[in-house]
């Protein structure tokens, strides 16, 4: 007899949590699907710009000091890593804001 009650409690908790989320979403009507699309664009640019800057810097280094290593590729990957880290930090911060 414990199992059905335990299952009912889990279901009640899940419904309560979803209800609280819906109430919170209605309290902040500015965060619609347009907000989500804007966030995706911002994340895309926050990754693309450091990558492009890395490529430009790498091309400049390759033209000034030729070597057997491709600085363009190294800075492309470094810019991608930096951009992904930056996007992750920003999304994390926005997620914490929406929880409160």
PDB file of N, CA and C in Angstrom:
ATOM      1  N   UNK A   1       0.800  -1.188   0.000  1.00  0.00           N
ATOM      2  CA  UNK A   1       0.000   0.000   0.000  1.00  0.00           C
ATOM      3  C   UNK A   1       0.853   1.267   0.000  1.00  0.00           C
ATOM      4  N   UNK A   2       2.114   1.184   0.385  1.00  0.00           N
ATOM      5  CA  UNK A   2       2.996   2.344   0.404  1.00  0.00           C
ATOM      6  C   UNK A   2       3.284   2.856  -0.998  1.00  0.00           C
ATOM      7  N   UNK A   3       3.416   1.945  -1.959  1.00  0.00           N
ATOM      8  CA  UNK A   3       3.813   2.351  -3.295  1.00  0.00           C
ATOM      9  C   UNK A   3       2.819   3.293  -3.957  1.00  0.00           C
ATOM     10  N   UNK A   4       1.518   3.012  -3.952  1.00  0.00           N
ATOM     11  CA  UNK A   4       0.598   3.955  -4.584  1.00  0.00           C
ATOM     12  C   UNK A   4       0.630   5.323  -3.914  1.00  0.00           C
ATOM     13  N   UNK A   5       0.771   5.365  -2.593  1.00  0.00           N
ATOM     14  CA  UNK A   5       0.816   6.654  -1.907  1.00  0.00           C
ATOM     15  C   UNK A   5       2.101   7.398  -2.263  1.00  0.00           C
ATOM     16  N   UNK A   6       3.200   6.671  -2.350  1.00  0.00           N
ATOM     17  CA  UNK A   6       4.466   7.275  -2.732  1.00  0.00           C
ATOM     18  C   UNK A   6       4.385   7.806  -4.164  1.00  0.00           C
ATOM     19  N   UNK A   7       3.783   7.043  -5.053  1.00  0.00           N
ATOM     20  CA  UNK A   7       3.604   7.469  -6.445  1.00  0.00           C
ATOM     21  C   UNK A   7       2.693   8.675  -6.534  1.00  0.00           C
ATOM     22  N   UNK A   8       1.649   8.695  -5.713  1.00  0.00           N
ATOM     23  CA  UNK A   8       0.740   9.837  -5.710  1.00  0.00           C
ATOM     24  C   UNK A   8       1.456  11.093  -5.205  1.00  0.00           C
ATOM     25  N   UNK A   9       2.303  10.923  -4.201  1.00  0.00           N
ATOM     26  CA  UNK A   9       3.047  12.074  -3.672  1.00  0.00           C
ATOM     27  C   UNK A   9       4.004  12.623  -4.730  1.00  0.00           C
ATOM     28  N   UNK A  10       4.677  11.739  -5.465  1.00  0.00           N
ATOM     29  CA  UNK A  10       5.583  12.182  -6.522  1.00  0.00           C
ATOM     30  C   UNK A  10       4.820  12.947  -7.591  1.00  0.00           C
ATOM     31  N   UNK A  11       3.641  12.425  -7.956  1.00  0.00           N
ATOM     32  CA  UNK A  11       2.834  13.078  -8.982  1.00  0.00           C
ATOM     33  C   UNK A  11       2.348  14.445  -8.475  1.00  0.00           C
ATOM     34  N   UNK A  12       1.909  14.498  -7.224  1.00  0.00           N
ATOM     35  CA  UNK A  12       1.453  15.756  -6.639  1.00  0.00           C
ATOM     36  C   UNK A  12       2.592  16.777  -6.604  1.00  0.00           C
ATOM     37  N   UNK A  13       3.787  16.328  -6.247  1.00  0.00           N
ATOM     38  CA  UNK A  13       4.950  17.222  -6.235  1.00  0.00           C
ATOM     39  C   UNK A  13       5.259  17.749  -7.639  1.00  0.00           C
ATOM     40  N   UNK A  14       5.182  16.869  -8.641  1.00  0.00           N
ATOM     41  CA  UNK A  14       5.462  17.277 -10.017  1.00  0.00           C
ATOM     42  C   UNK A  14       4.428  18.290 -10.505  1.00  0.00           C
ATOM     43  N   UNK A  15       3.166  18.046 -10.205  1.00  0.00           N
ATOM     44  CA  UNK A  15       2.106  18.967 -10.622  1.00  0.00           C
ATOM     45  C   UNK A  15       2.269  20.314  -9.912  1.00  0.00           C
ATOM     46  N   UNK A  16       2.601  20.269  -8.631  1.00  0.00           N
ATOM     47  CA  UNK A  16       2.808  21.505  -7.877  1.00  0.00           C
ATOM     48  C   UNK A  16       3.964  22.315  -8.457  1.00  0.00           C
ATOM     49  N   UNK A  17       5.047  21.635  -8.785  1.00  0.00           N
ATOM     50  CA  UNK A  17       6.212  22.318  -9.354  1.00  0.00           C
ATOM     51  C   UNK A  17       5.865  22.948 -10.704  1.00  0.00           C
ATOM     52  N   UNK A  18       5.138  22.220 -11.553  1.00  0.00           N
ATOM     53  CA  UNK A  18       4.748  22.771 -12.856  1.00  0.00           C
ATOM     54  C   UNK A  18       3.799  23.949 -12.693  1.00  0.00           C
ATOM     55  N   UNK A  19       2.901  23.866 -11.708  1.00  0.00           N
ATOM     56  CA  UNK A  19       1.976  24.967 -11.459  1.00  0.00           C
ATOM     57  C   UNK A  19       2.734  26.216 -11.024  1.00  0.00           C
ATOM     58  N   UNK A  20       3.711  26.047 -10.151  1.00  0.00           N
ATOM     59  CA  UNK A  20       4.514  27.195  -9.717  1.00  0.00           C
ATOM     60  C   UNK A  20       5.283  27.798 -10.890  1.00  0.00           C
ATOM     61  N   UNK A  21       5.785  26.954 -11.783  1.00  0.00           N
ATOM     62  CA  UNK A  21       6.491  27.459 -12.962  1.00  0.00           C
ATOM     63  C   UNK A  21       5.567  28.262 -13.858  1.00  0.00           C
ATOM     64  N   UNK A  22       4.336  27.755 -14.051  1.00  0.00           N
ATOM     65  CA  UNK A  22       3.373  28.470 -14.898  1.00  0.00           C
ATOM     66  C   UNK A  22       3.005  29.815 -14.289  1.00  0.00           C
ATOM     67  N   UNK A  23       2.811  29.837 -12.992  1.00  0.00           N
ATOM     68  CA  UNK A  23       2.479  31.095 -12.318  1.00  0.00           C
ATOM     69  C   UNK A  23       3.625  32.087 -12.454  1.00  0.00           C
ATOM     70  N   UNK A  24       4.846  31.608 -12.281  1.00  0.00           N
ATOM     71  CA  UNK A  24       6.019  32.485 -12.418  1.00  0.00           C
ATOM     72  C   UNK A  24       6.153  32.990 -13.853  1.00  0.00           C
ATOM     73  N   UNK A  25       5.859  32.142 -14.834  1.00  0.00           N
ATOM     74  CA  UNK A  25       5.952  32.555 -16.235  1.00  0.00           C
ATOM     75  C   UNK A  25       4.901  33.611 -16.561  1.00  0.00           C
ATOM     76  N   UNK A  26       3.714  33.480 -15.984  1.00  0.00           N
ATOM     77  CA  UNK A  26       2.670  34.481 -16.219  1.00  0.00           C
ATOM     78  C   UNK A  26       2.999  35.802 -15.530  1.00  0.00           C
ATOM     79  N   UNK A  27       3.766  35.738 -14.456  1.00  0.00           N
ATOM     80  CA  UNK A  27       4.143  36.957 -13.748  1.00  0.00           C
ATOM     81  C   UNK A  27       5.176  37.766 -14.527  1.00  0.00           C
ATOM     82  N   UNK A  28       5.899  37.126 -15.432  1.00  0.00           N
ATOM     83  CA  UNK A  28       6.910  37.795 -16.266  1.00  0.00           C
ATOM     84  C   UNK A  28       6.533  37.624 -17.734  1.00  0.00           C
ATOM     85  N   UNK A  29       5.548  38.370 -18.218  1.00  0.00           N
ATOM     86  CA  UNK A  29       5.078  38.156 -19.596  1.00  0.00           C
ATOM     87  C   UNK A  29       6.085  38.577 -20.664  1.00  0.00           C
ATOM     88  N   UNK A  30       7.118  39.330 -20.323  1.00  0.00           N
ATOM     89  CA  UNK A  30       8.093  39.770 -21.313  1.00  0.00           C
ATOM     90  C   UNK A  30       8.961  38.641 -21.839  1.00  0.00           C
ATOM     91  N   UNK A  31       9.005  37.515 -21.143  1.00  0.00           N
ATOM     92  CA  UNK A  31       9.853  36.414 -21.577  1.00  0.00           C
ATOM     93  C   UNK A  31       9.036  35.435 -22.408  1.00  0.00           C
ATOM     94  N   UNK A  32       8.790  35.819 -23.634  1.00  0.00           N
ATOM     95  CA  UNK A  32       8.000  34.986 -24.538  1.00  0.00           C
ATOM     96  C   UNK A  32       8.925  34.201 -25.455  1.00  0.00           C
ATOM     97  N   UNK A  33       8.365  33.693 -26.512  1.00  0.00           N
ATOM     98  CA  UNK A  33       9.184  32.956 -27.478  1.00  0.00           C
ATOM     99  C   UNK A  33      10.182  33.894 -28.159  1.00  0.00           C
ATOM    100  N   UNK A  34       9.845  35.175 -28.270  1.00  0.00           N
ATOM    101  CA  UNK A  34      10.790  36.137 -28.842  1.00  0.00           C
ATOM    102  C   UNK A  34      12.020  36.273 -27.955  1.00  0.00           C
ATOM    103  N   UNK A  35      11.806  36.191 -26.649  1.00  0.00           N
ATOM    104  CA  UNK A  35      12.941  36.239 -25.724  1.00  0.00           C
ATOM    105  C   UNK A  35      13.851  35.037 -25.968  1.00  0.00           C
ATOM    106  N   UNK A  36      13.256  33.864 -26.168  1.00  0.00           N
ATOM    107  CA  UNK A  36      14.036  32.659 -26.445  1.00  0.00           C
ATOM    108  C   UNK A  36      14.819  32.767 -27.741  1.00  0.00           C
ATOM    109  N   UNK A  37      14.179  33.306 -28.781  1.00  0.00           N
ATOM    110  CA  UNK A  37      14.881  33.485 -30.051  1.00  0.00           C
ATOM    111  C   UNK A  37      16.013  34.494 -29.919  1.00  0.00           C
ATOM    112  N   UNK A  38      15.773  35.546 -29.170  1.00  0.00           N
ATOM    113  CA  UNK A  38      16.825  36.527 -28.941  1.00  0.00           C
ATOM    114  C   UNK A  38      17.992  35.923 -28.186  1.00  0.00           C
ATOM    115  N   UNK A  39      17.679  35.061 -27.227  1.00  0.00           N
ATOM    116  CA  UNK A  39      18.738  34.417 -26.450  1.00  0.00           C
ATOM    117  C   UNK A  39      19.565  33.497 -27.348  1.00  0.00           C
ATOM    118  N   UNK A  40      18.895  32.764 -28.243  1.00  0.00           N
ATOM    119  CA  UNK A  40      19.648  31.898 -29.161  1.00  0.00           C
ATOM    120  C   UNK A  40      20.571  32.722 -30.050  1.00  0.00           C
ATOM    121  N   UNK A  41      20.081  33.868 -30.526  1.00  0.00           N
ATOM    122  CA  UNK A  41      20.917  34.740 -31.350  1.00  0.00           C
ATOM    123  C   UNK A  41      22.102  35.274 -30.579  1.00  0.00           C
ATOM    124  N   UNK A  42      21.860  35.660 -29.333  1.00  0.00           N
ATOM    125  CA  UNK A  42      22.940  36.182 -28.503  1.00  0.00           C
ATOM    126  C   UNK A  42      23.989  35.114 -28.224  1.00  0.00           C
ATOM    127  N   UNK A  43      23.539  33.901 -27.973  1.00  0.00           N
ATOM    128  CA  UNK A  43      24.475  32.797 -27.736  1.00  0.00           C
ATOM    129  C   UNK A  43      25.287  32.528 -29.003  1.00  0.00           C
ATOM    130  N   UNK A  44      24.634  32.547 -30.143  1.00  0.00           N
ATOM    131  CA  UNK A  44      25.341  32.327 -31.410  1.00  0.00           C
ATOM    132  C   UNK A  44      26.417  33.371 -31.658  1.00  0.00           C
ATOM    133  N   UNK A  45      26.069  34.636 -31.439  1.00  0.00           N
ATOM    134  CA  UNK A  45      27.041  35.700 -31.641  1.00  0.00           C
ATOM    135  C   UNK A  45      28.149  35.657 -30.611  1.00  0.00           C
ATOM    136  N   UNK A  46      27.817  35.256 -29.388  1.00  0.00           N
ATOM    137  CA  UNK A  46      28.862  35.213 -28.356  1.00  0.00           C
ATOM    138  C   UNK A  46      29.878  34.110 -28.638  1.00  0.00           C
ATOM    139  N   UNK A  47      29.527  33.149 -29.472  1.00  0.00           N
ATOM    140  CA  UNK A  47      30.486  32.122 -29.887  1.00  0.00           C
ATOM    141  C   UNK A  47      31.172  32.538 -31.193  1.00  0.00           C
ATOM    142  N   UNK A  48      30.403  33.110 -32.119  1.00  0.00           N
ATOM    143  CA  UNK A  48      30.948  33.430 -33.440  1.00  0.00           C
ATOM    144  C   UNK A  48      31.972  34.564 -33.407  1.00  0.00           C
ATOM    145  N   UNK A  49      31.728  35.586 -32.610  1.00  0.00           N
ATOM    146  CA  UNK A  49      32.632  36.741 -32.611  1.00  0.00           C
ATOM    147  C   UNK A  49      34.030  36.381 -32.097  1.00  0.00           C
ATOM    148  N   UNK A  50      34.174  35.673 -30.967  1.00  0.00           N
ATOM    149  CA  UNK A  50      35.541  35.297 -30.562  1.00  0.00           C
ATOM    150  C   UNK A  50      36.227  34.377 -31.581  1.00  0.00           C
ATOM    151  N   UNK A  51      35.438  33.531 -32.257  1.00  0.00           N
ATOM    152  CA  UNK A  51      36.042  32.663 -33.269  1.00  0.00           C
ATOM    153  C   UNK A  51      36.570  33.495 -34.439  1.00  0.00           C
ATOM    154  N   UNK A  52      35.759  34.457 -34.900  1.00  0.00           N
ATOM    155  CA  UNK A  52      36.207  35.305 -36.008  1.00  0.00           C
ATOM    156  C   UNK A  52      37.403  36.156 -35.613  1.00  0.00           C
ATOM    157  N   UNK A  53      37.393  36.658 -34.380  1.00  0.00           N
ATOM    158  CA  UNK A  53      38.534  37.438 -33.901  1.00  0.00           C
ATOM    159  C   UNK A  53      39.783  36.557 -33.836  1.00  0.00           C
ATOM    160  N   UNK A  54      39.620  35.305 -33.402  1.00  0.00           N
ATOM    161  CA  UNK A  54      40.744  34.379 -33.362  1.00  0.00           C
ATOM    162  C   UNK A  54      41.295  34.082 -34.744  1.00  0.00           C
ATOM    163  N   UNK A  55      40.398  33.909 -35.714  1.00  0.00           N
ATOM    164  CA  UNK A  55      40.849  33.665 -37.088  1.00  0.00           C
ATOM    165  C   UNK A  55      41.613  34.874 -37.617  1.00  0.00           C
ATOM    166  N   UNK A  56      41.061  36.073 -37.390  1.00  0.00           N
ATOM    167  CA  UNK A  56      41.735  37.281 -37.881  1.00  0.00           C
ATOM    168  C   UNK A  56      43.118  37.434 -37.240  1.00  0.00           C
ATOM    169  N   UNK A  57      43.193  37.214 -35.934  1.00  0.00           N
ATOM    170  CA  UNK A  57      44.475  37.331 -35.237  1.00  0.00           C
ATOM    171  C   UNK A  57      45.445  36.245 -35.721  1.00  0.00           C
ATOM    172  N   UNK A  58      44.936  35.033 -35.910  1.00  0.00           N
ATOM    173  CA  UNK A  58      45.783  33.945 -36.406  1.00  0.00           C
ATOM    174  C   UNK A  58      46.304  34.199 -37.809  1.00  0.00           C
ATOM    175  N   UNK A  59      45.456  34.744 -38.685  1.00  0.00           N
ATOM    176  CA  UNK A  59      45.908  35.079 -40.038  1.00  0.00           C
ATOM    177  C   UNK A  59      47.000  36.146 -40.006  1.00  0.00           C
ATOM    178  N   UNK A  60      46.837  37.122 -39.120  1.00  0.00           N
ATOM    179  CA  UNK A  60      47.837  38.168 -39.010  1.00  0.00           C
ATOM    180  C   UNK A  60      49.171  37.591 -38.524  1.00  0.00           C
ATOM    181  N   UNK A  61      49.115  36.735 -37.499  1.00  0.00           N
ATOM    182  CA  UNK A  61      50.348  36.115 -36.995  1.00  0.00           C
ATOM    183  C   UNK A  61      50.992  35.251 -38.078  1.00  0.00           C
ATOM    184  N   UNK A  62      50.168  34.466 -38.794  1.00  0.00           N
ATOM    185  CA  UNK A  62      50.711  33.612 -39.857  1.00  0.00           C
ATOM    186  C   UNK A  62      51.375  34.436 -40.960  1.00  0.00           C
ATOM    187  N   UNK A  63      50.830  35.621 -41.248  1.00  0.00           N
ATOM    188  CA  UNK A  63      51.433  36.446 -42.307  1.00  0.00           C
ATOM    189  C   UNK A  63      52.707  37.140 -41.824  1.00  0.00           C
ATOM    190  N   UNK A  64      52.796  37.441 -40.542  1.00  0.00           N
ATOM    191  CA  UNK A  64      53.966  38.131 -40.001  1.00  0.00           C
ATOM    192  C   UNK A  64      55.119  37.176 -39.686  1.00  0.00           C
ATOM    193  N   UNK A  65      54.790  36.042 -39.083  1.00  0.00           N
ATOM    194  CA  UNK A  65      55.807  35.080 -38.655  1.00  0.00           C
ATOM    195  C   UNK A  65      55.407  33.674 -39.118  1.00  0.00           C
ATOM    196  N   UNK A  66      55.705  33.338 -40.353  1.00  0.00           N
ATOM    197  CA  UNK A  66      55.353  32.007 -40.847  1.00  0.00           C
ATOM    198  C   UNK A  66      56.040  30.910 -40.031  1.00  0.00           C
ATOM    199  N   UNK A  67      55.324  29.867 -39.755  1.00  0.00           N
ATOM    200  CA  UNK A  67      55.889  28.716 -39.039  1.00  0.00           C
ATOM    201  C   UNK A  67      55.202  27.463 -39.550  1.00  0.00           C
ATOM    202  N   UNK A  68      55.637  26.341 -39.034  1.00  0.00           N
ATOM    203  CA  UNK A  68      55.022  25.089 -39.491  1.00  0.00           C
ATOM    204  C   UNK A  68      53.681  24.839 -38.793  1.00  0.00           C
ATOM    205  N   UNK A  69      53.351  25.643 -37.765  1.00  0.00           N
ATOM    206  CA  UNK A  69      52.070  25.529 -37.080  1.00  0.00           C
ATOM    207  C   UNK A  69      51.101  26.565 -37.640  1.00  0.00           C
ATOM    208  N   UNK A  70      49.843  26.192 -37.714  1.00  0.00           N
ATOM    209  CA  UNK A  70      48.823  27.131 -38.186  1.00  0.00           C
ATOM    210  C   UNK A  70      48.236  27.871 -36.993  1.00  0.00           C
ATOM    211  N   UNK A  71      48.675  29.111 -36.819  1.00  0.00           N
ATOM    212  CA  UNK A  71      48.139  29.924 -35.739  1.00  0.00           C
ATOM    213  C   UNK A  71      46.668  30.228 -35.966  1.00  0.00           C
ATOM    214  N   UNK A  72      46.257  30.264 -37.228  1.00  0.00           N
ATOM    215  CA  UNK A  72      44.851  30.525 -37.540  1.00  0.00           C
ATOM    216  C   UNK A  72      43.967  29.442 -36.934  1.00  0.00           C
ATOM    217  N   UNK A  73      44.357  28.192 -37.130  1.00  0.00           N
ATOM    218  CA  UNK A  73      43.557  27.095 -36.559  1.00  0.00           C
ATOM    219  C   UNK A  73      43.596  27.103 -35.037  1.00  0.00           C
ATOM    220  N   UNK A  74      44.759  27.374 -34.467  1.00  0.00           N
ATOM    221  CA  UNK A  74      44.868  27.385 -33.008  1.00  0.00           C
ATOM    222  C   UNK A  74      43.985  28.467 -32.400  1.00  0.00           C
ATOM    223  N   UNK A  75      44.017  29.658 -33.000  1.00  0.00           N
ATOM    224  CA  UNK A  75      43.193  30.738 -32.456  1.00  0.00           C
ATOM    225  C   UNK A  75      41.715  30.553 -32.801  1.00  0.00           C
ATOM    226  N   UNK A  76      41.422  29.830 -33.871  1.00  0.00           N
ATOM    227  CA  UNK A  76      40.031  29.485 -34.167  1.00  0.00           C
ATOM    228  C   UNK A  76      39.464  28.629 -33.041  1.00  0.00           C
ATOM    229  N   UNK A  77      40.208  27.601 -32.650  1.00  0.00           N
ATOM    230  CA  UNK A  77      39.751  26.730 -31.567  1.00  0.00           C
ATOM    231  C   UNK A  77      39.740  27.452 -30.224  1.00  0.00           C
ATOM    232  N   UNK A  78      40.748  28.289 -29.991  1.00  0.00           N
ATOM    233  CA  UNK A  78      40.781  29.051 -28.737  1.00  0.00           C
ATOM    234  C   UNK A  78      39.587  30.006 -28.670  1.00  0.00           C
ATOM    235  N   UNK A  79      39.279  30.665 -29.774  1.00  0.00           N
ATOM    236  CA  UNK A  79      38.121  31.563 -29.809  1.00  0.00           C
ATOM    237  C   UNK A  79      36.818  30.809 -29.622  1.00  0.00           C
ATOM    238  N   UNK A  80      36.725  29.614 -30.212  1.00  0.00           N
ATOM    239  CA  UNK A  80      35.526  28.794 -30.019  1.00  0.00           C
ATOM    240  C   UNK A  80      35.359  28.374 -28.571  1.00  0.00           C
ATOM    241  N   UNK A  81      36.474  27.980 -27.951  1.00  0.00           N
ATOM    242  CA  UNK A  81      36.409  27.596 -26.540  1.00  0.00           C
ATOM    243  C   UNK A  81      36.025  28.766 -25.660  1.00  0.00           C
ATOM    244  N   UNK A  82      36.634  29.921 -25.920  1.00  0.00           N
ATOM    245  CA  UNK A  82      36.319  31.116 -25.144  1.00  0.00           C
ATOM    246  C   UNK A  82      34.860  31.524 -25.351  1.00  0.00           C
ATOM    247  N   UNK A  83      34.393  31.466 -26.585  1.00  0.00           N
ATOM    248  CA  UNK A  83      33.001  31.821 -26.872  1.00  0.00           C
ATOM    249  C   UNK A  83      32.019  30.871 -26.215  1.00  0.00           C
ATOM    250  N   UNK A  84      32.310  29.575 -26.244  1.00  0.00           N
ATOM    251  CA  UNK A  84      31.426  28.596 -25.597  1.00  0.00           C
ATOM    252  C   UNK A  84      31.404  28.799 -24.092  1.00  0.00           C
ATOM    253  N   UNK A  85      32.557  29.091 -23.508  1.00  0.00           N
ATOM    254  CA  UNK A  85      32.613  29.349 -22.066  1.00  0.00           C
ATOM    255  C   UNK A  85      31.801  30.596 -21.718  1.00  0.00           C
ATOM    256  N   UNK A  86      31.954  31.631 -22.522  1.00  0.00           N
ATOM    257  CA  UNK A  86      31.218  32.867 -22.300  1.00  0.00           C
ATOM    258  C   UNK A  86      29.712  32.632 -22.414  1.00  0.00           C
ATOM    259  N   UNK A  87      29.284  31.892 -23.434  1.00  0.00           N
ATOM    260  CA  UNK A  87      27.861  31.598 -23.609  1.00  0.00           C
ATOM    261  C   UNK A  87      27.339  30.757 -22.451  1.00  0.00           C
ATOM    262  N   UNK A  88      28.123  29.776 -22.020  1.00  0.00           N
ATOM    263  CA  UNK A  88      27.706  28.935 -20.893  1.00  0.00           C
ATOM    264  C   UNK A  88      27.529  29.780 -19.635  1.00  0.00           C
ATOM    265  N   UNK A  89      28.476  30.684 -19.365  1.00  0.00           N
ATOM    266  CA  UNK A  89      28.378  31.553 -18.185  1.00  0.00           C
ATOM    267  C   UNK A  89      27.138  32.427 -18.248  1.00  0.00           C
ATOM    268  N   UNK A  90      26.855  32.990 -19.421  1.00  0.00           N
ATOM    269  CA  UNK A  90      25.718  33.878 -19.581  1.00  0.00           C
ATOM    270  C   UNK A  90      24.402  33.116 -19.393  1.00  0.00           C
ATOM    271  N   UNK A  91      24.298  31.935 -19.988  1.00  0.00           N
ATOM    272  CA  UNK A  91      23.074  31.132 -19.854  1.00  0.00           C
ATOM    273  C   UNK A  91      22.882  30.699 -18.409  1.00  0.00           C
ATOM    274  N   UNK A  92      23.964  30.328 -17.754  1.00  0.00           N
ATOM    275  CA  UNK A  92      23.888  29.955 -16.337  1.00  0.00           C
ATOM    276  C   UNK A  92      23.357  31.113 -15.496  1.00  0.00           C
ATOM    277  N   UNK A  93      23.880  32.309 -15.741  1.00  0.00           N
ATOM    278  CA  UNK A  93      23.451  33.485 -14.978  1.00  0.00           C
ATOM    279  C   UNK A  93      21.978  33.792 -15.240  1.00  0.00           C
ATOM    280  N   UNK A  94      21.539  33.698 -16.493  1.00  0.00           N
ATOM    281  CA  UNK A  94      20.136  33.946 -16.818  1.00  0.00           C
ATOM    282  C   UNK A  94      19.231  32.886 -16.182  1.00  0.00           C
ATOM    283  N   UNK A  95      19.715  31.645 -16.150  1.00  0.00           N
ATOM    284  CA  UNK A  95      18.945  30.573 -15.529  1.00  0.00           C
ATOM    285  C   UNK A  95      18.743  30.800 -14.045  1.00  0.00           C
ATOM    286  N   UNK A  96      19.789  31.282 -13.387  1.00  0.00           N
ATOM    287  CA  UNK A  96      19.674  31.573 -11.945  1.00  0.00           C
ATOM    288  C   UNK A  96      18.727  32.726 -11.699  1.00  0.00           C
ATOM    289  N   UNK A  97      18.728  33.718 -12.600  1.00  0.00           N
ATOM    290  CA  UNK A  97      17.797  34.841 -12.454  1.00  0.00           C
ATOM    291  C   UNK A  97      16.346  34.373 -12.570  1.00  0.00           C
ATOM    292  N   UNK A  98      16.079  33.473 -13.516  1.00  0.00           N
ATOM    293  CA  UNK A  98      14.697  33.030 -13.741  1.00  0.00           C
ATOM    294  C   UNK A  98      14.198  32.118 -12.624  1.00  0.00           C
ATOM    295  N   UNK A  99      15.110  31.498 -11.882  1.00  0.00           N
ATOM    296  CA  UNK A  99      14.683  30.639 -10.773  1.00  0.00           C
ATOM    297  C   UNK A  99      14.185  31.457  -9.598  1.00  0.00           C
ATOM    298  N   UNK A 100      14.666  32.670  -9.440  1.00  0.00           N
ATOM    299  CA  UNK A 100      14.286  33.491  -8.289  1.00  0.00           C
ATOM    300  C   UNK A 100      13.050  34.277  -8.517  1.00  0.00           C
TER     301      UNK A 100
END
